[in-house]
Amino acid sequence: MRTILLSHEEVAKLATQLYEGGIRQKVESDSNIGKMVIIDVETGDYEIDKNGLHASNRLNAKHPDARLFGIRIGYNVAASLGGVMERVSL
């Protein structure tokens, strides 16, 4: 598979478009709130886990050298260092 060279900003933009364009409706449920969804921006595949690293490892096993981006389901940020993670209203 040909690797697409993308900036960090382009990866974030593609992942957000994929999430808002269909993944969100599939994954955003009470049982998944707070979990990480990791998205392969080249294929549109995704994995969900409480631990983003576990989800990333599963995607990397399917698609080596994938361009991945993580989103915390139901929140405005994936992680916070000393700050506040705000819940997004549905």
C-alpha atoms as a PDB file:
ATOM      1  CA  MET A   1       0.000   0.000   0.000  1.00  0.00           C
ATOM      2  CA  ARG A   2       1.275   3.467  -0.867  1.00  0.00           C
ATOM      3  CA  THR A   3       1.903   5.717   2.130  1.00  0.00           C
ATOM      4  CA  ILE A   4       0.357   9.163   1.874  1.00  0.00           C
ATOM      5  CA  LEU A   5       2.541  11.972   3.228  1.00  0.00           C
ATOM      6  CA  LEU A   6       0.360  14.163   5.410  1.00  0.00           C
ATOM      7  CA  SER A   7       1.076  16.881   7.966  1.00  0.00           C
ATOM      8  CA  HIS A   8      -0.223  16.518  11.518  1.00  0.00           C
ATOM      9  CA  GLU A   9      -2.891  19.094  10.717  1.00  0.00           C
ATOM     10  CA  GLU A  10      -4.029  17.174   7.625  1.00  0.00           C
ATOM     11  CA  VAL A  11      -4.245  13.924   9.621  1.00  0.00           C
ATOM     12  CA  ALA A  12      -6.359  15.677  12.271  1.00  0.00           C
ATOM     13  CA  LYS A  13      -8.630  17.218   9.631  1.00  0.00           C
ATOM     14  CA  LEU A  14      -9.168  13.892   7.823  1.00  0.00           C
ATOM     15  CA  ALA A  15      -9.827  12.046  11.083  1.00  0.00           C
ATOM     16  CA  THR A  16     -12.339  14.661  12.195  1.00  0.00           C
ATOM     17  CA  GLN A  17     -14.119  14.473   8.833  1.00  0.00           C
ATOM     18  CA  LEU A  18     -14.277  10.663   9.060  1.00  0.00           C
ATOM     19  CA  TYR A  19     -15.534  10.822  12.657  1.00  0.00           C
ATOM     20  CA  GLU A  20     -18.212  13.425  11.970  1.00  0.00           C
ATOM     21  CA  GLY A  21     -19.138  11.832   8.641  1.00  0.00           C
ATOM     22  CA  GLY A  22     -20.240   8.487  10.019  1.00  0.00           C
ATOM     23  CA  ILE A  23     -18.071   6.982  12.743  1.00  0.00           C
ATOM     24  CA  ARG A  24     -19.601   9.156  15.472  1.00  0.00           C
ATOM     25  CA  GLN A  25     -23.125   7.826  14.796  1.00  0.00           C
ATOM     26  CA  LYS A  26     -21.839   4.248  15.084  1.00  0.00           C
ATOM     27  CA  VAL A  27     -19.734   4.594  18.238  1.00  0.00           C
ATOM     28  CA  GLU A  28     -21.201   7.333  20.407  1.00  0.00           C
ATOM     29  CA  SER A  29     -23.287   5.403  22.929  1.00  0.00           C
ATOM     30  CA  ASP A  30     -23.492   5.450  26.724  1.00  0.00           C
ATOM     31  CA  SER A  31     -21.277   2.366  26.936  1.00  0.00           C
ATOM     32  CA  ASN A  32     -18.519   3.998  24.839  1.00  0.00           C
ATOM     33  CA  ILE A  33     -18.435   7.490  26.400  1.00  0.00           C
ATOM     34  CA  GLY A  34     -14.887   8.164  27.589  1.00  0.00           C
ATOM     35  CA  LYS A  35     -13.290   5.443  25.485  1.00  0.00           C
ATOM     36  CA  MET A  36     -10.799   6.209  22.723  1.00  0.00           C
ATOM     37  CA  VAL A  37     -11.601   5.713  19.062  1.00  0.00           C
ATOM     38  CA  ILE A  38      -8.446   5.438  16.970  1.00  0.00           C
ATOM     39  CA  ILE A  39      -8.961   6.146  13.265  1.00  0.00           C
ATOM     40  CA  ASP A  40      -6.778   5.117  10.334  1.00  0.00           C
ATOM     41  CA  VAL A  41      -7.154   8.185   8.114  1.00  0.00           C
ATOM     42  CA  GLU A  42      -6.066   6.334   4.971  1.00  0.00           C
ATOM     43  CA  THR A  43      -8.573   3.464   5.172  1.00  0.00           C
ATOM     44  CA  GLY A  44     -11.304   4.813   7.460  1.00  0.00           C
ATOM     45  CA  ASP A  45     -10.940   1.751   9.717  1.00  0.00           C
ATOM     46  CA  TYR A  46     -11.181   2.376  13.444  1.00  0.00           C
ATOM     47  CA  GLU A  47     -10.837   0.602  16.777  1.00  0.00           C
ATOM     48  CA  ILE A  48     -12.330   1.451  20.174  1.00  0.00           C
ATOM     49  CA  ASP A  49     -10.787   0.720  23.568  1.00  0.00           C
ATOM     50  CA  LYS A  50     -10.540   2.225  27.045  1.00  0.00           C
ATOM     51  CA  ASN A  51      -6.828   2.423  26.298  1.00  0.00           C
ATOM     52  CA  GLY A  52      -5.918   4.193  23.060  1.00  0.00           C
ATOM     53  CA  LEU A  53      -2.634   2.304  22.810  1.00  0.00           C
ATOM     54  CA  HIS A  54      -4.445  -1.047  22.684  1.00  0.00           C
ATOM     55  CA  ALA A  55      -6.732   0.222  19.909  1.00  0.00           C
ATOM     56  CA  SER A  56      -3.718   1.640  18.040  1.00  0.00           C
ATOM     57  CA  ASN A  57      -1.866  -1.662  18.281  1.00  0.00           C
ATOM     58  CA  ARG A  58      -4.839  -3.534  16.809  1.00  0.00           C
ATOM     59  CA  LEU A  59      -5.053  -1.098  13.879  1.00  0.00           C
ATOM     60  CA  ASN A  60      -1.300  -1.256  13.295  1.00  0.00           C
ATOM     61  CA  ALA A  61      -1.540  -5.047  13.136  1.00  0.00           C
ATOM     62  CA  LYS A  62      -4.101  -4.701  10.320  1.00  0.00           C
ATOM     63  CA  HIS A  63      -2.439  -1.762   8.571  1.00  0.00           C
ATOM     64  CA  PRO A  64       1.303  -1.398   9.262  1.00  0.00           C
ATOM     65  CA  ASP A  65       2.549   2.201   8.936  1.00  0.00           C
ATOM     66  CA  ALA A  66      -1.012   3.546   9.187  1.00  0.00           C
ATOM     67  CA  ARG A  67      -1.590   7.233   9.925  1.00  0.00           C
ATOM     68  CA  LEU A  68      -3.632   7.133  13.128  1.00  0.00           C
ATOM     69  CA  PHE A  69      -5.532   9.764  15.066  1.00  0.00           C
ATOM     70  CA  GLY A  70      -7.311   9.392  18.411  1.00  0.00           C
ATOM     71  CA  ILE A  71     -10.534  10.958  19.618  1.00  0.00           C
ATOM     72  CA  ARG A  72     -12.039  10.473  23.085  1.00  0.00           C
ATOM     73  CA  ILE A  73     -15.685   9.616  22.548  1.00  0.00           C
ATOM     74  CA  GLY A  74     -17.998  12.243  23.994  1.00  0.00           C
ATOM     75  CA  TYR A  75     -15.274  14.735  24.975  1.00  0.00           C
ATOM     76  CA  ASN A  76     -13.718  17.824  23.451  1.00  0.00           C
ATOM     77  CA  VAL A  77     -10.125  16.587  23.953  1.00  0.00           C
ATOM     78  CA  ALA A  78      -8.427  13.195  23.986  1.00  0.00           C
ATOM     79  CA  ALA A  79      -6.433  13.848  27.177  1.00  0.00           C
ATOM     80  CA  SER A  80      -5.742  16.577  29.684  1.00  0.00           C
ATOM     81  CA  LEU A  81      -2.605  17.263  31.700  1.00  0.00           C
ATOM     82  CA  GLY A  82      -3.786  19.169  34.731  1.00  0.00           C
ATOM     83  CA  GLY A  83      -6.696  20.734  32.849  1.00  0.00           C
ATOM     84  CA  VAL A  84     -10.333  19.901  32.490  1.00  0.00           C
ATOM     85  CA  MET A  85     -11.899  17.570  29.951  1.00  0.00           C
ATOM     86  CA  GLU A  86     -15.334  18.873  29.071  1.00  0.00           C
ATOM     87  CA  ARG A  87     -18.115  16.530  28.083  1.00  0.00           C
ATOM     88  CA  VAL A  88     -19.624  17.355  24.676  1.00  0.00           C
ATOM     89  CA  SER A  89     -23.411  17.601  24.677  1.00  0.00           C
ATOM     90  CA  LEU A  90     -25.185  15.252  22.293  1.00  0.00           C
END
